[in-house]
Amino acid sequence: MKPATEKVVLITGASSGIGAATARLLARSGTRLMLGARRAKPLATLCEEINASGGDAIYQPVDVANRNEMQAFCDTALERFGSMDVLVNNAGIMPVSPLSALKVDEWNRMIDVNMRGVLNGIAAALPYFAARKTGQFVNVASLGAHYVVPTGAVYCATKFAVWAITDGIRQEHKDIRATIISPGVVTSELGRDITDAASAKAMTNFRKVAIEPDAIARAIRFAIEQPDDVDVSEVIVRPTASDF
């Protein structure tokens, strides 16, 4: 078993929120990091912060919905570090709205990022993990992977899919660990792309009780730090005082 401190961990959606918090937490324990997101500037700032504190992090802008970019992201990690041990598929969007609003372009974008983005990450890393007979996918889903709420039908559908895909990895590959992290309400930028006015107002109320991204980062670290013969299949982390 390779100690967690010696592992190479790749994180998508690392420019803010859960991704950035996870990068900071893992960096403090010596984990080598490859960070990706669509926005280059916050990634560069985060890497500067980590490296200035004695960590080892590099970044590459990536749109997870683009398979070639996701492959290049993984390839860069291999070139820089010589290996990759964990892929945290964290990138996601949540422009929720009633189905009757017919925001089809937003539906398609959620499918592309939340579902196809995870599949693109799997396509890029799975052959390498399978050849080595070791590796781990940590896929960030949501409480929306367990039940549907009004305005969230498509978003929840993508997270149900993440749950199913992750369990499929577990069943098909006995040497590869597959973990689902399902956060409840977390302080983050998620949902700031909501264009439906009523849904945006409801989200503001929904987020009055929330936990910080560090709570999810600790759950991810816990899953990564387990020995190779222990697979943490799923962790649900939610605010104590919230129904969600």
C-alpha atoms as a PDB file:
ATOM      1  CA  MET A   1       0.000   0.000   0.000  1.00  0.00           C
ATOM      2  CA  LYS A   2       1.290   3.444  -0.898  1.00  0.00           C
ATOM      3  CA  PRO A   3       0.901   5.882   2.032  1.00  0.00           C
ATOM      4  CA  ALA A   4      -1.561   8.713   1.387  1.00  0.00           C
ATOM      5  CA  THR A   5       1.280  11.203   1.815  1.00  0.00           C
ATOM      6  CA  GLU A   6       3.058   9.710  -1.193  1.00  0.00           C
ATOM      7  CA  LYS A   7       0.049   9.542  -3.480  1.00  0.00           C
ATOM      8  CA  VAL A   8      -0.628  11.620  -6.573  1.00  0.00           C
ATOM      9  CA  VAL A   9      -4.167  12.964  -6.449  1.00  0.00           C
ATOM     10  CA  LEU A  10      -5.925  14.659  -9.341  1.00  0.00           C
ATOM     11  CA  ILE A  11      -8.841  16.983  -8.548  1.00  0.00           C
ATOM     12  CA  THR A  12     -11.273  18.561 -10.986  1.00  0.00           C
ATOM     13  CA  GLY A  13     -13.346  21.583 -10.061  1.00  0.00           C
ATOM     14  CA  ALA A  14     -10.398  22.672  -7.929  1.00  0.00           C
ATOM     15  CA  SER A  15     -10.661  26.425  -8.424  1.00  0.00           C
ATOM     16  CA  SER A  16     -13.063  26.918  -5.501  1.00  0.00           C
ATOM     17  CA  GLY A  17     -15.328  25.248  -2.965  1.00  0.00           C
ATOM     18  CA  ILE A  18     -14.899  21.549  -2.233  1.00  0.00           C
ATOM     19  CA  GLY A  19     -12.123  21.088  -4.794  1.00  0.00           C
ATOM     20  CA  ALA A  20      -9.958  23.896  -3.429  1.00  0.00           C
ATOM     21  CA  ALA A  21     -10.580  22.863   0.182  1.00  0.00           C
ATOM     22  CA  THR A  22      -9.597  19.279  -0.608  1.00  0.00           C
ATOM     23  CA  ALA A  23      -6.416  20.437  -2.337  1.00  0.00           C
ATOM     24  CA  ARG A  24      -5.372  22.515   0.664  1.00  0.00           C
ATOM     25  CA  LEU A  25      -6.107  19.725   3.132  1.00  0.00           C
ATOM     26  CA  LEU A  26      -4.272  17.025   1.186  1.00  0.00           C
ATOM     27  CA  ALA A  27      -1.325  19.316   0.470  1.00  0.00           C
ATOM     28  CA  ARG A  28      -0.720  19.745   4.188  1.00  0.00           C
ATOM     29  CA  SER A  29      -0.128  16.006   4.507  1.00  0.00           C
ATOM     30  CA  GLY A  30       2.341  15.891   1.620  1.00  0.00           C
ATOM     31  CA  THR A  31       0.083  14.599  -1.140  1.00  0.00           C
ATOM     32  CA  ARG A  32       1.214  15.605  -4.629  1.00  0.00           C
ATOM     33  CA  LEU A  33      -1.560  17.341  -6.510  1.00  0.00           C
ATOM     34  CA  MET A  34      -2.734  17.908 -10.069  1.00  0.00           C
ATOM     35  CA  LEU A  35      -5.488  20.524 -10.044  1.00  0.00           C
ATOM     36  CA  GLY A  36      -7.938  21.292 -12.830  1.00  0.00           C
ATOM     37  CA  ALA A  37     -10.873  23.597 -13.552  1.00  0.00           C
ATOM     38  CA  ARG A  38     -12.041  25.832 -16.359  1.00  0.00           C
ATOM     39  CA  ARG A  39     -10.669  28.998 -14.738  1.00  0.00           C
ATOM     40  CA  ALA A  40      -6.879  29.233 -14.846  1.00  0.00           C
ATOM     41  CA  LYS A  41      -6.330  32.267 -12.608  1.00  0.00           C
ATOM     42  CA  PRO A  42      -7.724  30.858  -9.337  1.00  0.00           C
ATOM     43  CA  LEU A  43      -5.945  27.559 -10.040  1.00  0.00           C
ATOM     44  CA  ALA A  44      -2.634  29.407 -10.417  1.00  0.00           C
ATOM     45  CA  THR A  45      -3.252  31.319  -7.173  1.00  0.00           C
ATOM     46  CA  LEU A  46      -4.095  28.113  -5.300  1.00  0.00           C
ATOM     47  CA  CYS A  47      -0.990  26.330  -6.563  1.00  0.00           C
ATOM     48  CA  GLU A  48       1.190  29.289  -5.592  1.00  0.00           C
ATOM     49  CA  GLU A  49      -0.304  29.180  -2.102  1.00  0.00           C
ATOM     50  CA  ILE A  50       0.241  25.428  -1.731  1.00  0.00           C
ATOM     51  CA  ASN A  51       3.778  25.442  -3.104  1.00  0.00           C
ATOM     52  CA  ALA A  52       4.769  28.438  -0.991  1.00  0.00           C
ATOM     53  CA  SER A  53       3.724  26.425   2.064  1.00  0.00           C
ATOM     54  CA  GLY A  54       5.934  23.492   1.096  1.00  0.00           C
ATOM     55  CA  GLY A  55       3.393  21.499  -0.914  1.00  0.00           C
ATOM     56  CA  ASP A  56       3.696  20.118  -4.429  1.00  0.00           C
ATOM     57  CA  ALA A  57       0.902  21.138  -6.777  1.00  0.00           C
ATOM     58  CA  ILE A  58       0.548  21.880 -10.466  1.00  0.00           C
ATOM     59  CA  TYR A  59      -2.505  22.860 -12.469  1.00  0.00           C
ATOM     60  CA  GLN A  60      -3.976  22.691 -15.926  1.00  0.00           C
ATOM     61  CA  PRO A  61      -7.195  24.309 -17.153  1.00  0.00           C
ATOM     62  CA  VAL A  62      -9.678  21.627 -18.167  1.00  0.00           C
ATOM     63  CA  ASP A  63     -13.279  21.380 -19.298  1.00  0.00           C
ATOM     64  CA  VAL A  64     -14.291  17.963 -18.004  1.00  0.00           C
ATOM     65  CA  ALA A  65     -17.020  17.754 -20.650  1.00  0.00           C
ATOM     66  CA  ASN A  66     -14.273  17.596 -23.287  1.00  0.00           C
ATOM     67  CA  ARG A  67     -12.798  14.094 -23.389  1.00  0.00           C
ATOM     68  CA  ASN A  68      -9.558  15.186 -25.051  1.00  0.00           C
ATOM     69  CA  GLU A  69      -8.954  17.853 -22.404  1.00  0.00           C
ATOM     70  CA  MET A  70      -9.623  15.372 -19.625  1.00  0.00           C
ATOM     71  CA  GLN A  71      -7.202  12.892 -21.165  1.00  0.00           C
ATOM     72  CA  ALA A  72      -4.561  15.601 -21.475  1.00  0.00           C
ATOM     73  CA  PHE A  73      -5.141  16.531 -17.828  1.00  0.00           C
ATOM     74  CA  CYS A  74      -4.362  12.977 -16.701  1.00  0.00           C
ATOM     75  CA  ASP A  75      -1.450  12.666 -19.118  1.00  0.00           C
ATOM     76  CA  THR A  76       0.139  15.816 -17.701  1.00  0.00           C
ATOM     77  CA  ALA A  77      -0.052  14.382 -14.184  1.00  0.00           C
ATOM     78  CA  LEU A  78       1.692  11.219 -15.350  1.00  0.00           C
ATOM     79  CA  GLU A  79       4.402  13.221 -17.107  1.00  0.00           C
ATOM     80  CA  ARG A  80       5.024  15.439 -14.075  1.00  0.00           C
ATOM     81  CA  PHE A  81       4.735  12.932 -11.238  1.00  0.00           C
ATOM     82  CA  GLY A  82       5.305   9.574 -12.938  1.00  0.00           C
ATOM     83  CA  SER A  83       2.069   8.122 -11.586  1.00  0.00           C
ATOM     84  CA  MET A  84      -1.487   8.896 -10.548  1.00  0.00           C
ATOM     85  CA  ASP A  85      -3.218   7.208  -7.659  1.00  0.00           C
ATOM     86  CA  VAL A  86      -6.551   8.961  -7.137  1.00  0.00           C
ATOM     87  CA  LEU A  87      -8.874  10.913  -9.402  1.00  0.00           C
ATOM     88  CA  VAL A  88     -11.375  13.122  -7.598  1.00  0.00           C
ATOM     89  CA  ASN A  89     -14.176  13.859 -10.061  1.00  0.00           C
ATOM     90  CA  ASN A  90     -15.518  16.952  -8.321  1.00  0.00           C
ATOM     91  CA  ALA A  91     -16.478  19.392 -11.091  1.00  0.00           C
ATOM     92  CA  GLY A  92     -20.210  20.065 -11.237  1.00  0.00           C
ATOM     93  CA  ILE A  93     -22.873  22.649 -11.984  1.00  0.00           C
ATOM     94  CA  MET A  94     -26.408  23.127 -10.656  1.00  0.00           C
ATOM     95  CA  PRO A  95     -28.613  25.523 -12.680  1.00  0.00           C
ATOM     96  CA  VAL A  96     -31.846  24.086 -11.294  1.00  0.00           C
ATOM     97  CA  SER A  97     -35.263  25.086 -12.627  1.00  0.00           C
ATOM     98  CA  PRO A  98     -38.758  23.617 -13.050  1.00  0.00           C
ATOM     99  CA  LEU A  99     -38.997  21.213 -15.956  1.00  0.00           C
ATOM    100  CA  SER A 100     -41.790  23.413 -17.337  1.00  0.00           C
ATOM    101  CA  ALA A 101     -39.257  26.233 -17.810  1.00  0.00           C
ATOM    102  CA  LEU A 102     -37.796  24.123 -20.640  1.00  0.00           C
ATOM    103  CA  LYS A 103     -34.230  25.272 -20.074  1.00  0.00           C
ATOM    104  CA  VAL A 104     -32.956  22.563 -22.375  1.00  0.00           C
ATOM    105  CA  ASP A 105     -29.506  24.080 -22.873  1.00  0.00           C
ATOM    106  CA  GLU A 106     -28.993  24.062 -19.106  1.00  0.00           C
ATOM    107  CA  TRP A 107     -30.210  20.464 -18.899  1.00  0.00           C
ATOM    108  CA  ASN A 108     -27.666  19.473 -21.526  1.00  0.00           C
ATOM    109  CA  ARG A 109     -24.850  21.342 -19.810  1.00  0.00           C
ATOM    110  CA  MET A 110     -25.581  19.586 -16.507  1.00  0.00           C
ATOM    111  CA  ILE A 111     -25.514  16.246 -18.310  1.00  0.00           C
ATOM    112  CA  ASP A 112     -22.237  17.194 -19.999  1.00  0.00           C
ATOM    113  CA  VAL A 113     -20.435  18.379 -16.856  1.00  0.00           C
ATOM    114  CA  ASN A 114     -21.962  16.331 -14.050  1.00  0.00           C
ATOM    115  CA  MET A 115     -22.344  13.018 -15.849  1.00  0.00           C
ATOM    116  CA  ARG A 116     -20.214  13.001 -18.976  1.00  0.00           C
ATOM    117  CA  GLY A 117     -17.431  14.776 -17.100  1.00  0.00           C
ATOM    118  CA  VAL A 118     -17.216  11.870 -14.658  1.00  0.00           C
ATOM    119  CA  LEU A 119     -17.249   9.379 -17.522  1.00  0.00           C
ATOM    120  CA  ASN A 120     -14.479  11.295 -19.296  1.00  0.00           C
ATOM    121  CA  GLY A 121     -12.398  11.133 -16.129  1.00  0.00           C
ATOM    122  CA  ILE A 122     -12.989   7.401 -15.897  1.00  0.00           C
ATOM    123  CA  ALA A 123     -12.084   6.923 -19.550  1.00  0.00           C
ATOM    124  CA  ALA A 124      -8.819   8.803 -19.006  1.00  0.00           C
ATOM    125  CA  ALA A 125      -7.712   7.112 -15.774  1.00  0.00           C
ATOM    126  CA  LEU A 126      -9.245   3.632 -15.811  1.00  0.00           C
ATOM    127  CA  PRO A 127      -6.814   2.016 -18.299  1.00  0.00           C
ATOM    128  CA  TYR A 128      -3.878   3.180 -16.181  1.00  0.00           C
ATOM    129  CA  PHE A 129      -5.456   2.014 -12.923  1.00  0.00           C
ATOM    130  CA  ALA A 130      -6.455  -1.326 -14.435  1.00  0.00           C
ATOM    131  CA  ALA A 131      -2.967  -1.968 -15.794  1.00  0.00           C
ATOM    132  CA  ARG A 132      -1.448  -1.280 -12.366  1.00  0.00           C
ATOM    133  CA  LYS A 133      -4.224  -3.169 -10.539  1.00  0.00           C
ATOM    134  CA  THR A 134      -4.615  -0.272  -8.137  1.00  0.00           C
ATOM    135  CA  GLY A 135      -6.133   3.202  -8.055  1.00  0.00           C
ATOM    136  CA  GLN A 136      -9.141   5.046  -6.743  1.00  0.00           C
ATOM    137  CA  PHE A 137     -11.968   7.139  -8.112  1.00  0.00           C
ATOM    138  CA  VAL A 138     -13.600   9.561  -5.699  1.00  0.00           C
ATOM    139  CA  ASN A 139     -16.748  10.853  -7.363  1.00  0.00           C
ATOM    140  CA  VAL A 140     -18.544  13.777  -5.756  1.00  0.00           C
ATOM    141  CA  ALA A 141     -22.288  13.246  -6.045  1.00  0.00           C
ATOM    142  CA  SER A 142     -24.891  14.870  -3.779  1.00  0.00           C
ATOM    143  CA  LEU A 143     -27.827  14.124  -1.543  1.00  0.00           C
ATOM    144  CA  GLY A 144     -29.536  14.632  -4.886  1.00  0.00           C
ATOM    145  CA  ALA A 145     -28.192  11.197  -5.776  1.00  0.00           C
ATOM    146  CA  HIS A 146     -30.693   9.742  -3.299  1.00  0.00           C
ATOM    147  CA  TYR A 147     -33.902  11.678  -3.788  1.00  0.00           C
ATOM    148  CA  VAL A 148     -35.442  14.268  -6.091  1.00  0.00           C
ATOM    149  CA  VAL A 149     -36.662  17.719  -5.103  1.00  0.00           C
ATOM    150  CA  PRO A 150     -38.808  20.159  -7.134  1.00  0.00           C
ATOM    151  CA  THR A 151     -36.704  22.095  -9.696  1.00  0.00           C
ATOM    152  CA  GLY A 152     -33.938  19.506  -9.276  1.00  0.00           C
ATOM    153  CA  ALA A 153     -35.109  16.710 -11.570  1.00  0.00           C
ATOM    154  CA  VAL A 154     -32.299  16.969 -14.118  1.00  0.00           C
ATOM    155  CA  TYR A 155     -29.609  17.835 -11.565  1.00  0.00           C
ATOM    156  CA  CYS A 156     -30.658  14.900  -9.398  1.00  0.00           C
ATOM    157  CA  ALA A 157     -30.739  12.640 -12.453  1.00  0.00           C
ATOM    158  CA  THR A 158     -27.090  13.450 -13.154  1.00  0.00           C
ATOM    159  CA  LYS A 159     -26.168  12.696  -9.553  1.00  0.00           C
ATOM    160  CA  PHE A 160     -28.161   9.450  -9.561  1.00  0.00           C
ATOM    161  CA  ALA A 161     -26.030   8.598 -12.598  1.00  0.00           C
ATOM    162  CA  VAL A 162     -22.800   9.368 -10.730  1.00  0.00           C
ATOM    163  CA  TRP A 163     -23.949   7.011  -7.978  1.00  0.00           C
ATOM    164  CA  ALA A 164     -24.692   4.228 -10.482  1.00  0.00           C
ATOM    165  CA  ILE A 165     -21.459   4.698 -12.434  1.00  0.00           C
ATOM    166  CA  THR A 166     -19.369   4.625  -9.269  1.00  0.00           C
ATOM    167  CA  ASP A 167     -20.966   1.429  -8.044  1.00  0.00           C
ATOM    168  CA  GLY A 168     -20.423  -0.030 -11.503  1.00  0.00           C
ATOM    169  CA  ILE A 169     -16.687   0.563 -11.147  1.00  0.00           C
ATOM    170  CA  ARG A 170     -16.739  -1.178  -7.779  1.00  0.00           C
ATOM    171  CA  GLN A 171     -18.485  -4.221  -9.189  1.00  0.00           C
ATOM    172  CA  GLU A 172     -16.400  -4.530 -12.350  1.00  0.00           C
ATOM    173  CA  HIS A 173     -12.916  -3.826 -10.973  1.00  0.00           C
ATOM    174  CA  LYS A 174     -11.964  -5.604  -7.770  1.00  0.00           C
ATOM    175  CA  ASP A 175      -8.520  -3.976  -7.644  1.00  0.00           C
ATOM    176  CA  ILE A 176      -9.787  -0.400  -8.020  1.00  0.00           C
ATOM    177  CA  ARG A 177     -11.474   1.516  -5.221  1.00  0.00           C
ATOM    178  CA  ALA A 178     -14.551   3.599  -6.010  1.00  0.00           C
ATOM    179  CA  THR A 179     -15.937   6.096  -3.539  1.00  0.00           C
ATOM    180  CA  ILE A 180     -19.037   8.287  -3.709  1.00  0.00           C
ATOM    181  CA  ILE A 181     -19.020  11.454  -1.618  1.00  0.00           C
ATOM    182  CA  SER A 182     -22.543  12.862  -1.269  1.00  0.00           C
ATOM    183  CA  PRO A 183     -22.604  16.347   0.282  1.00  0.00           C
ATOM    184  CA  GLY A 184     -25.665  18.053   1.661  1.00  0.00           C
ATOM    185  CA  VAL A 185     -25.822  21.847   1.627  1.00  0.00           C
ATOM    186  CA  VAL A 186     -22.310  23.285   1.398  1.00  0.00           C
ATOM    187  CA  THR A 187     -21.133  26.872   1.170  1.00  0.00           C
ATOM    188  CA  SER A 188     -19.887  27.127  -2.421  1.00  0.00           C
ATOM    189  CA  GLU A 189     -20.376  28.706  -5.822  1.00  0.00           C
ATOM    190  CA  LEU A 190     -22.643  25.847  -6.870  1.00  0.00           C
ATOM    191  CA  GLY A 191     -25.995  27.201  -7.977  1.00  0.00           C
ATOM    192  CA  ARG A 192     -24.789  30.693  -8.838  1.00  0.00           C
ATOM    193  CA  ASP A 193     -25.531  29.852 -12.474  1.00  0.00           C
ATOM    194  CA  ILE A 194     -29.289  29.499 -11.806  1.00  0.00           C
ATOM    195  CA  THR A 195     -31.188  31.644 -14.310  1.00  0.00           C
ATOM    196  CA  ASP A 196     -34.724  30.882 -13.151  1.00  0.00           C
ATOM    197  CA  ALA A 197     -35.660  33.697 -10.740  1.00  0.00           C
ATOM    198  CA  ALA A 198     -37.913  31.669  -8.459  1.00  0.00           C
ATOM    199  CA  SER A 199     -35.366  28.851  -8.221  1.00  0.00           C
ATOM    200  CA  ALA A 200     -32.575  31.322  -7.414  1.00  0.00           C
ATOM    201  CA  LYS A 201     -34.626  32.790  -4.561  1.00  0.00           C
ATOM    202  CA  ALA A 202     -35.420  29.326  -3.222  1.00  0.00           C
ATOM    203  CA  MET A 203     -31.734  28.413  -3.339  1.00  0.00           C
ATOM    204  CA  THR A 204     -30.853  31.435  -1.206  1.00  0.00           C
ATOM    205  CA  ASN A 205     -33.263  30.227   1.470  1.00  0.00           C
ATOM    206  CA  PHE A 206     -32.077  26.645   1.028  1.00  0.00           C
ATOM    207  CA  ARG A 207     -28.502  27.698   1.799  1.00  0.00           C
ATOM    208  CA  LYS A 208     -29.237  29.490   5.053  1.00  0.00           C
ATOM    209  CA  VAL A 209     -28.034  26.366   6.858  1.00  0.00           C
ATOM    210  CA  ALA A 210     -24.831  25.037   5.300  1.00  0.00           C
ATOM    211  CA  ILE A 211     -21.498  23.474   6.205  1.00  0.00           C
ATOM    212  CA  GLU A 212     -18.119  24.587   4.928  1.00  0.00           C
ATOM    213  CA  PRO A 213     -16.223  22.806   2.122  1.00  0.00           C
ATOM    214  CA  ASP A 214     -13.608  21.644   4.646  1.00  0.00           C
ATOM    215  CA  ALA A 215     -16.131  19.123   5.961  1.00  0.00           C
ATOM    216  CA  ILE A 216     -16.310  17.435   2.571  1.00  0.00           C
ATOM    217  CA  ALA A 217     -12.549  17.648   2.140  1.00  0.00           C
ATOM    218  CA  ARG A 218     -12.099  15.690   5.383  1.00  0.00           C
ATOM    219  CA  ALA A 219     -14.436  12.967   4.101  1.00  0.00           C
ATOM    220  CA  ILE A 220     -12.444  12.716   0.877  1.00  0.00           C
ATOM    221  CA  ARG A 221      -9.187  12.487   2.802  1.00  0.00           C
ATOM    222  CA  PHE A 222     -10.661   9.752   5.006  1.00  0.00           C
ATOM    223  CA  ALA A 223     -11.564   7.666   1.955  1.00  0.00           C
ATOM    224  CA  ILE A 224      -8.156   8.149   0.364  1.00  0.00           C
ATOM    225  CA  GLU A 225      -6.214   7.301   3.528  1.00  0.00           C
ATOM    226  CA  GLN A 226      -7.734   3.840   3.972  1.00  0.00           C
ATOM    227  CA  PRO A 227      -5.555   0.823   3.133  1.00  0.00           C
ATOM    228  CA  ASP A 228      -5.914  -0.713  -0.314  1.00  0.00           C
ATOM    229  CA  ASP A 229      -8.107  -3.552   0.948  1.00  0.00           C
ATOM    230  CA  VAL A 230     -10.677  -1.095   2.359  1.00  0.00           C
ATOM    231  CA  ASP A 231     -13.062   0.602  -0.044  1.00  0.00           C
ATOM    232  CA  VAL A 232     -15.188   3.376   1.426  1.00  0.00           C
ATOM    233  CA  SER A 233     -18.144   3.001  -0.896  1.00  0.00           C
ATOM    234  CA  GLU A 234     -20.083   6.109   0.114  1.00  0.00           C
ATOM    235  CA  VAL A 235     -20.009   8.940   2.612  1.00  0.00           C
ATOM    236  CA  ILE A 236     -22.952  11.306   3.138  1.00  0.00           C
ATOM    237  CA  VAL A 237     -22.006  14.578   4.838  1.00  0.00           C
ATOM    238  CA  ARG A 238     -24.754  17.064   5.697  1.00  0.00           C
ATOM    239  CA  PRO A 239     -25.375  19.940   8.137  1.00  0.00           C
ATOM    240  CA  THR A 240     -26.598  18.665  11.495  1.00  0.00           C
ATOM    241  CA  ALA A 241     -29.389  21.257  11.599  1.00  0.00           C
ATOM    242  CA  SER A 242     -30.659  20.782   8.056  1.00  0.00           C
ATOM    243  CA  ASP A 243     -33.068  18.389   6.383  1.00  0.00           C
ATOM    244  CA  PHE A 244     -30.638  18.366   3.470  1.00  0.00           C
END
